[in-house]
Each structure stands twice: as structure tokens, then as C-alpha cells.
Amino acid sequence: MKPDEIRDLLRFYFITDDGVADFPVLDQVRLAVGSGATMVQYRNKSFGLDAYEEVEAVCRFCRESGVPFVVNDDVLLAKAVGADGVHVGQDDALPRLARRVMGPPAIIGVSVSTMAELERTDLAFCDYIGTGPTFETGTKVDAKPAHGLAGLRDIVNRSPVPAVAIGGIGPVNAVDCFAHGAAGVAVISCITRSGDPAEAAAAMAAACGVSARGGWS
């Protein structure tokens, strides 16, 4: 995928939250997409086959909505449900193998937290990087130290592919991420753990400069 094409898709990147008992994942995605999310990632670190139908439902909804859908870490799950792509970490499948399994049209993303990781990651098979945490975050318990806006800019400037910022991002500091070169921002808890998720999603869409698609119920 061409850099300009992927940049537009990364703008408002929503990642599902499996840690909110009273907010089902499909409802999270319906809200985010209805509010204007431009890409959706399914993330569930404790995934088991009992959640397979959930992934299928999210994938189907995204396809019907015209929003790219990627799966976190699990290349074979992404392939099985017909996802548009996969996002892998430094300790997951190599991007070249992810590309081999998913095929040329797939969206392949990889996490890069530091300049050292950027330098040792083969980005020839990747469409974008996810970099962070930009700010302190409580969503990911094993998150690395935040590298701040200066660290974000350094990685963006050295990366040959577009970068999406992640970690502690909300409507206010999203604007700063864009100003420091991020093509997009990835968000989870600022929506899923907000007192008013619909209002938070609308504010996030406004900060990203994207338009709502309509109701989600």
C-alpha cells in the first residue's frame, strides 16, 4: 500500500479493549466506527477459540462499514477471519512472514518503541509502524517508558513508513502528536473507559479531523 493511502487510514486508529466487562468489543467497534474511526484493530491478549465468533463479527462489521480491520499479533487468526491485515510486536511473527501469510494486498504494521528497535526492524514488508508509548498509559501493563513528543518526532523522522502514535493519547494531546509528524493516533481507553464513550469518541474524531458515519446502535 502506498504511503499516502495508509496515512489516511491511520488517522483515527481504534484498538479494542478486552478489559471492560460491561462494554462488549463489537459495541466498542460500532461506536468508534460510527464516530469516524478510520481503522480498527482487534486486540485480546487472552484470546481463545471461544472468542473466534467475536472476531468474525467485528471483521464483518468493519467490512460492511468500509473500514480496514487488522488483528493484533495473531497472523493465523487474521488470515482465518479474512482480516485486512495484522499488527505484530517485536516479539511476534516477523513482518516478512506476516506478509507471506497474509499476501501482498494486506496491511502489515509493526510496533517500534525505540530508535534501536527501528534500526533492527526490517520495514521492507511493512506499511506502517506503531510507536509508543508516547505518554504514560495504564492500558498496557507491560508498557515501556514513555518517549514523549520528542521521541515520537525522532522516530517519525527516521522511519521510511508512516507512523501512528500510541499510549496515553486523548483528544487534547492527539493534536500534539500530529504536529510532531504522526500520521495517526491509536486509542483505546480514552474511549472505552470514559464515563461517556460516545462523547469521547466524538471528541477524538474532531481532534483527528474526521467525520462521523452515523449511529452505532
N, C-alpha and C. Protein backbone atom coordinates (compact mmCIF):
# COMPACT_ATOMS: atom_id res chain seq x y z
N MET A 1 0.85 -1.20 0.00
CA MET A 1 0.00 0.00 0.00
C MET A 1 0.88 1.25 0.00
N LYS A 2 0.49 2.25 -0.79
CA LYS A 2 1.26 3.47 -0.90
C LYS A 2 1.19 4.28 0.38
N PRO A 3 2.29 4.98 0.73
CA PRO A 3 2.33 5.76 1.98
C PRO A 3 1.17 6.75 2.13
N ASP A 4 0.80 7.43 1.06
CA ASP A 4 -0.30 8.39 1.17
C ASP A 4 -1.63 7.71 1.48
N GLU A 5 -1.82 6.52 0.95
CA GLU A 5 -3.05 5.77 1.20
C GLU A 5 -3.12 5.31 2.65
N ILE A 6 -2.03 4.77 3.15
CA ILE A 6 -2.04 4.27 4.53
C ILE A 6 -2.11 5.41 5.53
N ARG A 7 -1.54 6.55 5.21
CA ARG A 7 -1.59 7.70 6.13
C ARG A 7 -3.03 8.09 6.44
N ASP A 8 -3.86 8.10 5.42
CA ASP A 8 -5.27 8.46 5.63
C ASP A 8 -5.97 7.43 6.51
N LEU A 9 -5.64 6.16 6.33
CA LEU A 9 -6.29 5.10 7.10
C LEU A 9 -5.87 5.10 8.57
N LEU A 10 -4.69 5.60 8.85
CA LEU A 10 -4.17 5.59 10.21
C LEU A 10 -4.70 6.72 11.08
N ARG A 11 -5.35 7.69 10.49
CA ARG A 11 -5.68 8.94 11.18
C ARG A 11 -6.33 8.72 12.55
N PHE A 12 -7.41 7.97 12.60
CA PHE A 12 -8.13 7.69 13.86
C PHE A 12 -8.19 6.17 13.97
N TYR A 13 -7.21 5.63 14.66
CA TYR A 13 -6.97 4.18 14.73
C TYR A 13 -7.49 3.67 16.07
N PHE A 14 -8.59 2.91 16.03
CA PHE A 14 -9.19 2.41 17.26
C PHE A 14 -8.76 0.98 17.54
N ILE A 15 -8.37 0.72 18.80
CA ILE A 15 -7.97 -0.61 19.23
C ILE A 15 -8.95 -1.10 20.29
N THR A 16 -9.43 -2.32 20.13
CA THR A 16 -10.43 -2.84 21.05
C THR A 16 -9.84 -3.11 22.43
N ASP A 17 -10.71 -3.11 23.41
CA ASP A 17 -10.33 -3.25 24.82
C ASP A 17 -11.04 -4.47 25.40
N ASP A 18 -10.28 -5.52 25.71
CA ASP A 18 -10.90 -6.73 26.26
C ASP A 18 -11.01 -6.67 27.78
N GLY A 19 -10.68 -5.52 28.37
CA GLY A 19 -10.70 -5.41 29.82
C GLY A 19 -11.88 -4.65 30.39
N VAL A 20 -12.91 -4.42 29.57
CA VAL A 20 -14.10 -3.70 30.04
C VAL A 20 -15.29 -4.65 29.97
N ALA A 21 -15.70 -5.16 31.11
CA ALA A 21 -16.70 -6.22 31.16
C ALA A 21 -18.07 -5.78 30.65
N ASP A 22 -18.43 -4.53 30.88
CA ASP A 22 -19.78 -4.07 30.53
C ASP A 22 -19.83 -3.31 29.20
N PHE A 23 -18.79 -3.45 28.38
CA PHE A 23 -18.75 -2.77 27.09
C PHE A 23 -18.22 -3.77 26.06
N PRO A 24 -19.10 -4.61 25.50
CA PRO A 24 -18.67 -5.64 24.55
C PRO A 24 -17.85 -5.08 23.40
N VAL A 25 -16.92 -5.87 22.93
CA VAL A 25 -16.00 -5.44 21.88
C VAL A 25 -16.73 -4.98 20.63
N LEU A 26 -17.74 -5.72 20.20
CA LEU A 26 -18.46 -5.32 19.00
C LEU A 26 -19.14 -3.96 19.19
N ASP A 27 -19.66 -3.71 20.38
CA ASP A 27 -20.26 -2.40 20.66
C ASP A 27 -19.20 -1.30 20.64
N GLN A 28 -18.01 -1.61 21.15
CA GLN A 28 -16.91 -0.64 21.10
C GLN A 28 -16.62 -0.25 19.65
N VAL A 29 -16.55 -1.25 18.80
CA VAL A 29 -16.21 -1.02 17.39
C VAL A 29 -17.32 -0.26 16.68
N ARG A 30 -18.56 -0.62 16.96
CA ARG A 30 -19.68 0.10 16.36
C ARG A 30 -19.64 1.58 16.72
N LEU A 31 -19.34 1.85 17.97
CA LEU A 31 -19.27 3.25 18.41
C LEU A 31 -18.12 3.98 17.73
N ALA A 32 -16.95 3.37 17.76
CA ALA A 32 -15.77 4.02 17.19
C ALA A 32 -15.94 4.28 15.69
N VAL A 33 -16.40 3.27 14.98
CA VAL A 33 -16.57 3.40 13.53
C VAL A 33 -17.66 4.41 13.21
N GLY A 34 -18.76 4.36 13.96
CA GLY A 34 -19.82 5.32 13.75
C GLY A 34 -19.37 6.75 14.00
N SER A 35 -18.41 6.90 14.90
CA SER A 35 -17.90 8.23 15.24
C SER A 35 -16.87 8.73 14.22
N GLY A 36 -16.35 7.80 13.40
CA GLY A 36 -15.41 8.24 12.37
C GLY A 36 -14.07 7.53 12.37
N ALA A 37 -13.89 6.48 13.19
CA ALA A 37 -12.61 5.76 13.20
C ALA A 37 -12.25 5.29 11.80
N THR A 38 -10.98 5.42 11.45
CA THR A 38 -10.53 5.10 10.08
C THR A 38 -9.87 3.74 9.98
N MET A 39 -9.57 3.11 11.11
CA MET A 39 -9.02 1.76 11.12
C MET A 39 -9.34 1.14 12.48
N VAL A 40 -9.53 -0.18 12.48
CA VAL A 40 -9.83 -0.89 13.73
C VAL A 40 -8.86 -2.05 13.88
N GLN A 41 -8.37 -2.20 15.11
CA GLN A 41 -7.51 -3.34 15.44
C GLN A 41 -8.15 -4.14 16.56
N TYR A 42 -8.25 -5.45 16.36
CA TYR A 42 -8.74 -6.34 17.42
C TYR A 42 -7.56 -6.78 18.26
N ARG A 43 -7.62 -6.46 19.56
CA ARG A 43 -6.54 -6.81 20.48
C ARG A 43 -7.10 -7.57 21.67
N ASN A 44 -6.64 -8.78 21.89
CA ASN A 44 -7.09 -9.59 23.01
C ASN A 44 -5.95 -10.53 23.38
N LYS A 45 -5.19 -10.15 24.41
CA LYS A 45 -4.00 -10.91 24.80
C LYS A 45 -4.35 -12.28 25.39
N SER A 46 -5.61 -12.48 25.80
CA SER A 46 -6.01 -13.77 26.35
C SER A 46 -6.95 -14.49 25.38
N PHE A 47 -6.79 -14.23 24.08
CA PHE A 47 -7.68 -14.81 23.09
C PHE A 47 -7.69 -16.33 23.14
N GLY A 48 -8.92 -16.86 23.05
CA GLY A 48 -9.12 -18.30 22.93
C GLY A 48 -10.16 -18.54 21.85
N LEU A 49 -10.34 -19.77 21.44
CA LEU A 49 -11.27 -20.06 20.35
C LEU A 49 -12.71 -19.68 20.68
N ASP A 50 -13.03 -19.55 21.97
CA ASP A 50 -14.38 -19.14 22.34
C ASP A 50 -14.66 -17.70 21.89
N ALA A 51 -13.62 -16.95 21.56
CA ALA A 51 -13.80 -15.57 21.10
C ALA A 51 -13.71 -15.45 19.59
N TYR A 52 -13.60 -16.58 18.90
CA TYR A 52 -13.44 -16.55 17.44
C TYR A 52 -14.62 -15.87 16.76
N GLU A 53 -15.83 -16.20 17.19
CA GLU A 53 -17.02 -15.61 16.56
C GLU A 53 -17.07 -14.10 16.79
N GLU A 54 -16.53 -13.65 17.92
CA GLU A 54 -16.46 -12.22 18.20
C GLU A 54 -15.58 -11.52 17.16
N VAL A 55 -14.44 -12.13 16.86
CA VAL A 55 -13.54 -11.56 15.86
C VAL A 55 -14.20 -11.56 14.49
N GLU A 56 -14.87 -12.64 14.16
CA GLU A 56 -15.58 -12.70 12.88
C GLU A 56 -16.61 -11.58 12.77
N ALA A 57 -17.36 -11.36 13.86
CA ALA A 57 -18.40 -10.34 13.85
C ALA A 57 -17.81 -8.94 13.67
N VAL A 58 -16.71 -8.67 14.35
CA VAL A 58 -16.05 -7.37 14.21
C VAL A 58 -15.52 -7.20 12.79
N CYS A 59 -14.90 -8.24 12.27
CA CYS A 59 -14.37 -8.20 10.90
C CYS A 59 -15.49 -7.92 9.90
N ARG A 60 -16.60 -8.62 10.06
CA ARG A 60 -17.73 -8.45 9.15
C ARG A 60 -18.29 -7.03 9.23
N PHE A 61 -18.43 -6.52 10.44
CA PHE A 61 -18.95 -5.15 10.60
C PHE A 61 -18.03 -4.13 9.95
N CYS A 62 -16.74 -4.27 10.16
CA CYS A 62 -15.78 -3.34 9.56
C CYS A 62 -15.84 -3.41 8.04
N ARG A 63 -15.94 -4.62 7.51
CA ARG A 63 -16.02 -4.78 6.06
C ARG A 63 -17.26 -4.09 5.51
N GLU A 64 -18.38 -4.28 6.17
CA GLU A 64 -19.63 -3.65 5.73
C GLU A 64 -19.57 -2.13 5.85
N SER A 65 -18.75 -1.64 6.79
CA SER A 65 -18.62 -0.20 7.01
C SER A 65 -17.53 0.43 6.16
N GLY A 66 -16.76 -0.40 5.48
CA GLY A 66 -15.68 0.13 4.65
C GLY A 66 -14.47 0.61 5.44
N VAL A 67 -14.27 0.03 6.63
CA VAL A 67 -13.16 0.41 7.49
C VAL A 67 -12.17 -0.75 7.59
N PRO A 68 -10.90 -0.54 7.31
CA PRO A 68 -9.91 -1.62 7.39
C PRO A 68 -9.85 -2.23 8.79
N PHE A 69 -9.72 -3.54 8.84
CA PHE A 69 -9.69 -4.28 10.10
C PHE A 69 -8.42 -5.11 10.16
N VAL A 70 -7.65 -4.93 11.24
CA VAL A 70 -6.44 -5.72 11.45
C VAL A 70 -6.50 -6.41 12.80
N VAL A 71 -5.77 -7.49 12.92
CA VAL A 71 -5.70 -8.28 14.14
C VAL A 71 -4.34 -8.08 14.78
N ASN A 72 -4.30 -7.94 16.08
CA ASN A 72 -3.06 -7.78 16.81
C ASN A 72 -2.37 -9.12 17.01
N ASP A 73 -1.11 -9.20 16.64
CA ASP A 73 -0.22 -10.33 16.94
C ASP A 73 -0.48 -11.62 16.16
N ASP A 74 -1.74 -12.06 16.10
CA ASP A 74 -2.06 -13.41 15.63
C ASP A 74 -2.27 -13.44 14.11
N VAL A 75 -1.21 -13.77 13.39
CA VAL A 75 -1.26 -13.77 11.92
C VAL A 75 -2.24 -14.82 11.41
N LEU A 76 -2.26 -16.00 12.01
CA LEU A 76 -3.14 -17.06 11.54
C LEU A 76 -4.60 -16.73 11.81
N LEU A 77 -4.89 -16.07 12.93
CA LEU A 77 -6.26 -15.63 13.21
C LEU A 77 -6.69 -14.59 12.18
N ALA A 78 -5.80 -13.65 11.88
CA ALA A 78 -6.11 -12.63 10.89
C ALA A 78 -6.42 -13.26 9.54
N LYS A 79 -5.64 -14.25 9.16
CA LYS A 79 -5.85 -14.94 7.89
C LYS A 79 -7.17 -15.71 7.91
N ALA A 80 -7.47 -16.35 9.03
CA ALA A 80 -8.66 -17.20 9.13
C ALA A 80 -9.95 -16.40 9.01
N VAL A 81 -10.00 -15.21 9.59
CA VAL A 81 -11.24 -14.42 9.55
C VAL A 81 -11.31 -13.52 8.33
N GLY A 82 -10.25 -13.47 7.55
CA GLY A 82 -10.25 -12.61 6.37
C GLY A 82 -10.00 -11.16 6.68
N ALA A 83 -9.20 -10.90 7.72
CA ALA A 83 -8.89 -9.52 8.10
C ALA A 83 -8.09 -8.84 6.99
N ASP A 84 -8.11 -7.51 7.02
CA ASP A 84 -7.36 -6.74 6.03
C ASP A 84 -5.86 -6.73 6.32
N GLY A 85 -5.50 -7.10 7.54
CA GLY A 85 -4.09 -7.09 7.87
C GLY A 85 -3.83 -7.53 9.29
N VAL A 86 -2.59 -7.34 9.72
CA VAL A 86 -2.17 -7.75 11.05
C VAL A 86 -1.15 -6.76 11.58
N HIS A 87 -1.14 -6.61 12.89
CA HIS A 87 -0.14 -5.76 13.54
C HIS A 87 0.67 -6.63 14.48
N VAL A 88 1.98 -6.65 14.31
CA VAL A 88 2.83 -7.51 15.12
C VAL A 88 3.78 -6.69 15.99
N GLY A 89 4.17 -7.30 17.10
CA GLY A 89 5.12 -6.67 18.00
C GLY A 89 6.53 -7.15 17.73
N GLN A 90 7.46 -6.63 18.50
CA GLN A 90 8.85 -7.01 18.33
C GLN A 90 9.09 -8.49 18.65
N ASP A 91 8.25 -9.07 19.49
CA ASP A 91 8.43 -10.46 19.88
C ASP A 91 7.45 -11.40 19.19
N ASP A 92 6.72 -10.90 18.21
CA ASP A 92 5.75 -11.72 17.50
C ASP A 92 6.32 -12.18 16.16
N ALA A 93 5.46 -12.54 15.24
CA ALA A 93 5.91 -13.01 13.93
C ALA A 93 6.69 -11.93 13.20
N LEU A 94 7.71 -12.34 12.48
CA LEU A 94 8.48 -11.40 11.68
C LEU A 94 7.59 -10.79 10.60
N PRO A 95 7.75 -9.50 10.32
CA PRO A 95 6.94 -8.87 9.27
C PRO A 95 7.00 -9.60 7.93
N ARG A 96 8.17 -10.15 7.57
CA ARG A 96 8.27 -10.84 6.28
C ARG A 96 7.41 -12.10 6.26
N LEU A 97 7.30 -12.78 7.40
CA LEU A 97 6.45 -13.97 7.47
C LEU A 97 4.98 -13.58 7.49
N ALA A 98 4.69 -12.48 8.19
CA ALA A 98 3.31 -11.97 8.20
C ALA A 98 2.87 -11.63 6.79
N ARG A 99 3.76 -11.00 6.04
CA ARG A 99 3.45 -10.65 4.65
C ARG A 99 3.27 -11.91 3.80
N ARG A 100 4.08 -12.90 4.04
CA ARG A 100 3.99 -14.14 3.26
C ARG A 100 2.66 -14.83 3.49
N VAL A 101 2.19 -14.84 4.75
CA VAL A 101 0.93 -15.49 5.08
C VAL A 101 -0.27 -14.67 4.60
N MET A 102 -0.21 -13.36 4.83
CA MET A 102 -1.36 -12.50 4.54
C MET A 102 -1.48 -12.11 3.07
N GLY A 103 -0.35 -12.07 2.36
CA GLY A 103 -0.39 -11.75 0.95
C GLY A 103 -0.07 -10.29 0.65
N PRO A 104 0.22 -9.97 -0.60
CA PRO A 104 0.65 -8.61 -0.99
C PRO A 104 -0.33 -7.50 -0.65
N PRO A 105 -1.66 -7.70 -0.76
CA PRO A 105 -2.57 -6.58 -0.52
C PRO A 105 -2.75 -6.23 0.96
N ALA A 106 -2.32 -7.11 1.87
CA ALA A 106 -2.59 -6.93 3.29
C ALA A 106 -1.87 -5.72 3.88
N ILE A 107 -2.45 -5.21 4.95
CA ILE A 107 -1.83 -4.13 5.72
C ILE A 107 -1.00 -4.77 6.82
N ILE A 108 0.28 -4.49 6.84
CA ILE A 108 1.17 -5.04 7.86
C ILE A 108 1.76 -3.90 8.67
N GLY A 109 1.51 -3.94 9.98
CA GLY A 109 2.08 -2.95 10.89
C GLY A 109 2.96 -3.62 11.91
N VAL A 110 3.90 -2.87 12.46
CA VAL A 110 4.81 -3.41 13.47
C VAL A 110 5.05 -2.37 14.55
N SER A 111 5.17 -2.83 15.79
CA SER A 111 5.42 -1.92 16.91
C SER A 111 6.91 -1.59 17.01
N VAL A 112 7.20 -0.32 17.19
CA VAL A 112 8.57 0.17 17.35
C VAL A 112 8.57 1.19 18.48
N SER A 113 9.25 0.87 19.57
CA SER A 113 9.23 1.76 20.73
C SER A 113 10.45 2.66 20.84
N THR A 114 11.57 2.21 20.29
CA THR A 114 12.82 2.95 20.44
C THR A 114 13.53 3.06 19.11
N MET A 115 14.52 3.93 19.07
CA MET A 115 15.32 4.07 17.86
C MET A 115 16.07 2.77 17.56
N ALA A 116 16.51 2.08 18.60
CA ALA A 116 17.22 0.81 18.40
C ALA A 116 16.30 -0.22 17.75
N GLU A 117 15.04 -0.28 18.18
CA GLU A 117 14.10 -1.21 17.57
C GLU A 117 13.83 -0.83 16.11
N LEU A 118 13.75 0.46 15.86
CA LEU A 118 13.53 0.91 14.49
C LEU A 118 14.67 0.44 13.58
N GLU A 119 15.88 0.57 14.07
CA GLU A 119 17.05 0.25 13.26
C GLU A 119 17.17 -1.26 12.98
N ARG A 120 16.69 -2.09 13.89
CA ARG A 120 16.83 -3.53 13.68
C ARG A 120 15.58 -4.19 13.08
N THR A 121 14.55 -3.42 12.81
CA THR A 121 13.33 -3.97 12.24
C THR A 121 13.34 -3.82 10.72
N ASP A 122 13.09 -4.92 10.03
CA ASP A 122 13.04 -4.89 8.56
C ASP A 122 11.67 -4.37 8.14
N LEU A 123 11.65 -3.11 7.73
CA LEU A 123 10.39 -2.46 7.37
C LEU A 123 10.03 -2.62 5.90
N ALA A 124 10.81 -3.38 5.18
CA ALA A 124 10.54 -3.59 3.76
C ALA A 124 9.20 -4.28 3.53
N PHE A 125 8.74 -5.01 4.54
CA PHE A 125 7.48 -5.75 4.41
C PHE A 125 6.33 -5.07 5.15
N CYS A 126 6.57 -3.86 5.67
CA CYS A 126 5.59 -3.17 6.50
C CYS A 126 4.99 -1.96 5.80
N ASP A 127 3.76 -1.66 6.17
CA ASP A 127 3.07 -0.47 5.65
C ASP A 127 3.15 0.70 6.62
N TYR A 128 3.30 0.40 7.90
CA TYR A 128 3.37 1.45 8.90
C TYR A 128 3.99 0.91 10.18
N ILE A 129 4.37 1.82 11.06
CA ILE A 129 4.81 1.43 12.40
C ILE A 129 3.86 2.04 13.43
N GLY A 130 3.71 1.36 14.54
CA GLY A 130 3.03 1.92 15.70
C GLY A 130 4.10 2.23 16.72
N THR A 131 4.18 3.47 17.16
CA THR A 131 5.26 3.83 18.07
C THR A 131 4.74 4.43 19.36
N GLY A 132 5.33 3.98 20.46
CA GLY A 132 4.91 4.44 21.77
C GLY A 132 5.50 3.56 22.86
N PRO A 133 5.08 3.79 24.11
CA PRO A 133 4.05 4.77 24.44
C PRO A 133 4.56 6.21 24.31
N THR A 134 3.71 7.03 23.73
CA THR A 134 4.04 8.44 23.62
C THR A 134 3.91 9.12 24.96
N PHE A 135 2.83 8.77 25.67
CA PHE A 135 2.60 9.28 27.02
C PHE A 135 2.36 8.09 27.95
N GLU A 136 2.37 8.32 29.23
CA GLU A 136 2.13 7.24 30.19
C GLU A 136 0.75 6.65 29.96
N THR A 137 0.66 5.32 30.06
CA THR A 137 -0.62 4.65 29.83
C THR A 137 -0.82 3.54 30.84
N GLY A 138 -2.08 3.33 31.22
CA GLY A 138 -2.39 2.25 32.15
C GLY A 138 -3.05 1.07 31.47
N THR A 139 -3.30 1.18 30.16
CA THR A 139 -3.99 0.11 29.44
C THR A 139 -3.09 -1.10 29.26
N LYS A 140 -1.83 -0.87 28.95
CA LYS A 140 -0.89 -1.95 28.72
C LYS A 140 0.03 -2.06 29.92
N VAL A 141 -0.13 -3.14 30.69
CA VAL A 141 0.59 -3.26 31.95
C VAL A 141 2.10 -3.41 31.77
N ASP A 142 2.53 -3.94 30.62
CA ASP A 142 3.96 -4.14 30.40
C ASP A 142 4.54 -3.08 29.45
N ALA A 143 3.89 -1.92 29.42
CA ALA A 143 4.34 -0.86 28.51
C ALA A 143 5.74 -0.38 28.87
N LYS A 144 6.50 -0.02 27.86
CA LYS A 144 7.83 0.53 28.07
C LYS A 144 7.71 1.99 28.49
N PRO A 145 8.79 2.61 28.96
CA PRO A 145 8.73 4.01 29.38
C PRO A 145 8.29 4.91 28.22
N ALA A 146 7.48 5.91 28.55
CA ALA A 146 7.00 6.84 27.53
C ALA A 146 8.17 7.62 26.92
N HIS A 147 8.15 7.79 25.60
CA HIS A 147 9.26 8.53 24.96
C HIS A 147 8.89 9.97 24.65
N GLY A 148 7.63 10.35 24.94
CA GLY A 148 7.25 11.75 24.78
C GLY A 148 7.16 12.20 23.33
N LEU A 149 6.81 13.46 23.17
CA LEU A 149 6.66 14.01 21.83
C LEU A 149 7.98 14.12 21.09
N ALA A 150 9.06 14.40 21.83
CA ALA A 150 10.38 14.49 21.20
C ALA A 150 10.80 13.12 20.65
N GLY A 151 10.53 12.07 21.43
CA GLY A 151 10.86 10.73 20.97
C GLY A 151 10.01 10.33 19.78
N LEU A 152 8.74 10.73 19.80
CA LEU A 152 7.86 10.47 18.66
C LEU A 152 8.41 11.12 17.40
N ARG A 153 8.79 12.37 17.50
CA ARG A 153 9.30 13.08 16.33
C ARG A 153 10.58 12.45 15.80
N ASP A 154 11.47 12.02 16.70
CA ASP A 154 12.72 11.39 16.27
C ASP A 154 12.45 10.13 15.46
N ILE A 155 11.53 9.30 15.95
CA ILE A 155 11.22 8.05 15.26
C ILE A 155 10.51 8.33 13.93
N VAL A 156 9.57 9.27 13.94
CA VAL A 156 8.87 9.64 12.70
C VAL A 156 9.87 10.10 11.64
N ASN A 157 10.82 10.90 12.06
CA ASN A 157 11.79 11.46 11.11
C ASN A 157 12.71 10.39 10.52
N ARG A 158 12.92 9.29 11.25
CA ARG A 158 13.82 8.23 10.79
C ARG A 158 13.09 7.09 10.10
N SER A 159 11.78 7.04 10.25
CA SER A 159 11.03 5.91 9.70
C SER A 159 10.72 6.10 8.22
N PRO A 160 10.95 5.06 7.41
CA PRO A 160 10.63 5.16 5.98
C PRO A 160 9.15 4.93 5.68
N VAL A 161 8.39 4.54 6.70
CA VAL A 161 6.95 4.33 6.53
C VAL A 161 6.19 5.19 7.54
N PRO A 162 4.92 5.49 7.29
CA PRO A 162 4.14 6.32 8.21
C PRO A 162 4.07 5.73 9.60
N ALA A 163 3.94 6.61 10.59
CA ALA A 163 3.90 6.18 11.99
C ALA A 163 2.59 6.60 12.65
N VAL A 164 2.05 5.70 13.46
CA VAL A 164 0.89 6.02 14.27
C VAL A 164 1.34 6.03 15.73
N ALA A 165 1.00 7.08 16.44
CA ALA A 165 1.38 7.21 17.84
C ALA A 165 0.38 6.48 18.72
N ILE A 166 0.87 5.88 19.81
CA ILE A 166 0.00 5.16 20.73
C ILE A 166 0.49 5.37 22.15
N GLY A 167 -0.43 5.29 23.10
CA GLY A 167 -0.06 5.38 24.51
C GLY A 167 -0.48 6.67 25.17
N GLY A 168 -1.54 6.61 25.97
CA GLY A 168 -1.98 7.76 26.74
C GLY A 168 -2.52 8.90 25.91
N ILE A 169 -3.04 8.60 24.74
CA ILE A 169 -3.49 9.65 23.83
C ILE A 169 -4.98 9.89 23.95
N GLY A 170 -5.35 11.18 23.97
CA GLY A 170 -6.73 11.60 24.00
C GLY A 170 -6.92 12.76 23.04
N PRO A 171 -8.11 13.35 23.01
CA PRO A 171 -8.39 14.43 22.06
C PRO A 171 -7.45 15.62 22.15
N VAL A 172 -6.99 15.96 23.35
CA VAL A 172 -6.15 17.14 23.51
C VAL A 172 -4.74 16.90 22.99
N ASN A 173 -4.09 15.83 23.49
CA ASN A 173 -2.69 15.62 23.06
C ASN A 173 -2.57 14.95 21.69
N ALA A 174 -3.69 14.49 21.12
CA ALA A 174 -3.63 13.96 19.75
C ALA A 174 -3.15 15.03 18.79
N VAL A 175 -3.59 16.24 19.01
CA VAL A 175 -3.19 17.36 18.15
C VAL A 175 -1.68 17.54 18.19
N ASP A 176 -1.09 17.37 19.38
CA ASP A 176 0.37 17.49 19.50
C ASP A 176 1.08 16.37 18.75
N CYS A 177 0.49 15.18 18.75
CA CYS A 177 1.09 14.05 18.03
C CYS A 177 1.13 14.34 16.53
N PHE A 178 0.05 14.89 16.01
CA PHE A 178 0.02 15.23 14.59
C PHE A 178 1.06 16.31 14.28
N ALA A 179 1.18 17.27 15.20
CA ALA A 179 2.14 18.36 15.00
C ALA A 179 3.58 17.85 15.00
N HIS A 180 3.81 16.70 15.64
CA HIS A 180 5.15 16.13 15.70
C HIS A 180 5.36 15.03 14.65
N GLY A 181 4.49 14.99 13.65
CA GLY A 181 4.72 14.14 12.50
C GLY A 181 3.95 12.85 12.41
N ALA A 182 3.17 12.49 13.44
CA ALA A 182 2.42 11.24 13.39
C ALA A 182 1.37 11.29 12.28
N ALA A 183 1.24 10.20 11.55
CA ALA A 183 0.20 10.11 10.52
C ALA A 183 -1.16 9.87 11.16
N GLY A 184 -1.13 9.25 12.34
CA GLY A 184 -2.37 8.95 13.02
C GLY A 184 -2.13 8.69 14.49
N VAL A 185 -3.22 8.51 15.22
CA VAL A 185 -3.13 8.20 16.65
C VAL A 185 -3.98 6.97 16.94
N ALA A 186 -3.45 6.07 17.75
CA ALA A 186 -4.17 4.86 18.14
C ALA A 186 -4.69 5.05 19.56
N VAL A 187 -5.96 4.76 19.76
CA VAL A 187 -6.57 5.00 21.07
C VAL A 187 -7.36 3.79 21.54
N ILE A 188 -7.39 3.64 22.84
CA ILE A 188 -8.17 2.56 23.47
C ILE A 188 -8.99 3.16 24.61
N SER A 189 -8.32 3.33 25.76
CA SER A 189 -9.03 3.65 26.99
C SER A 189 -9.67 5.03 27.02
N CYS A 190 -9.17 5.97 26.22
CA CYS A 190 -9.78 7.30 26.25
C CYS A 190 -11.22 7.22 25.78
N ILE A 191 -11.56 6.14 25.06
CA ILE A 191 -12.95 5.91 24.65
C ILE A 191 -13.60 4.83 25.51
N THR A 192 -12.97 3.66 25.57
CA THR A 192 -13.61 2.51 26.20
C THR A 192 -13.78 2.65 27.71
N ARG A 193 -12.93 3.45 28.36
CA ARG A 193 -13.01 3.59 29.82
C ARG A 193 -13.43 5.00 30.23
N SER A 194 -14.01 5.70 29.28
CA SER A 194 -14.53 7.03 29.56
C SER A 194 -15.90 6.92 30.23
N GLY A 195 -16.25 7.94 31.01
CA GLY A 195 -17.58 7.98 31.61
C GLY A 195 -18.66 8.11 30.55
N ASP A 196 -18.30 8.69 29.41
CA ASP A 196 -19.24 8.86 28.29
C ASP A 196 -18.50 8.50 27.00
N PRO A 197 -18.45 7.20 26.66
CA PRO A 197 -17.70 6.78 25.48
C PRO A 197 -18.12 7.47 24.19
N ALA A 198 -19.42 7.72 24.02
CA ALA A 198 -19.89 8.36 22.79
C ALA A 198 -19.34 9.77 22.67
N GLU A 199 -19.35 10.50 23.77
CA GLU A 199 -18.81 11.86 23.76
C GLU A 199 -17.30 11.83 23.53
N ALA A 200 -16.62 10.87 24.15
CA ALA A 200 -15.16 10.76 23.99
C ALA A 200 -14.80 10.41 22.55
N ALA A 201 -15.56 9.52 21.94
CA ALA A 201 -15.28 9.14 20.56
C ALA A 201 -15.51 10.30 19.61
N ALA A 202 -16.55 11.08 19.87
CA ALA A 202 -16.83 12.25 19.03
C ALA A 202 -15.72 13.28 19.16
N ALA A 203 -15.21 13.46 20.38
CA ALA A 203 -14.12 14.42 20.59
C ALA A 203 -12.85 13.94 19.91
N MET A 204 -12.63 12.63 19.94
CA MET A 204 -11.45 12.08 19.28
C MET A 204 -11.53 12.27 17.78
N ALA A 205 -12.71 12.04 17.22
CA ALA A 205 -12.90 12.23 15.78
C ALA A 205 -12.65 13.68 15.38
N ALA A 206 -13.12 14.59 16.21
CA ALA A 206 -12.92 16.01 15.92
C ALA A 206 -11.44 16.36 15.95
N ALA A 207 -10.71 15.82 16.93
CA ALA A 207 -9.27 16.09 17.03
C ALA A 207 -8.52 15.53 15.84
N CYS A 208 -9.03 14.45 15.28
CA CYS A 208 -8.38 13.81 14.12
C CYS A 208 -8.86 14.40 12.80
N GLY A 209 -9.87 15.25 12.86
CA GLY A 209 -10.38 15.87 11.64
C GLY A 209 -11.14 14.94 10.74
N VAL A 210 -11.85 13.95 11.34
CA VAL A 210 -12.63 13.01 10.54
C VAL A 210 -14.11 13.18 10.88
N SER A 211 -14.96 12.73 9.98
CA SER A 211 -16.40 12.90 10.13
C SER A 211 -17.07 11.63 10.62
N ALA A 212 -18.15 11.81 11.36
CA ALA A 212 -18.93 10.68 11.85
C ALA A 212 -19.64 9.97 10.70
N ARG A 213 -19.88 8.69 10.88
CA ARG A 213 -20.60 7.90 9.88
C ARG A 213 -22.06 7.70 10.26
N GLY A 214 -22.43 8.06 11.49
CA GLY A 214 -23.81 7.88 11.90
C GLY A 214 -23.92 6.98 13.12
N GLY A 215 -25.15 6.60 13.44
CA GLY A 215 -25.44 5.85 14.66
C GLY A 215 -24.78 4.49 14.70
N TRP A 216 -24.68 3.94 15.91
CA TRP A 216 -23.98 2.66 16.09
C TRP A 216 -24.83 1.62 16.79
N SER A 217 -26.02 1.97 17.20
CA SER A 217 -26.83 1.04 17.97
C SER A 217 -27.46 -0.04 17.09
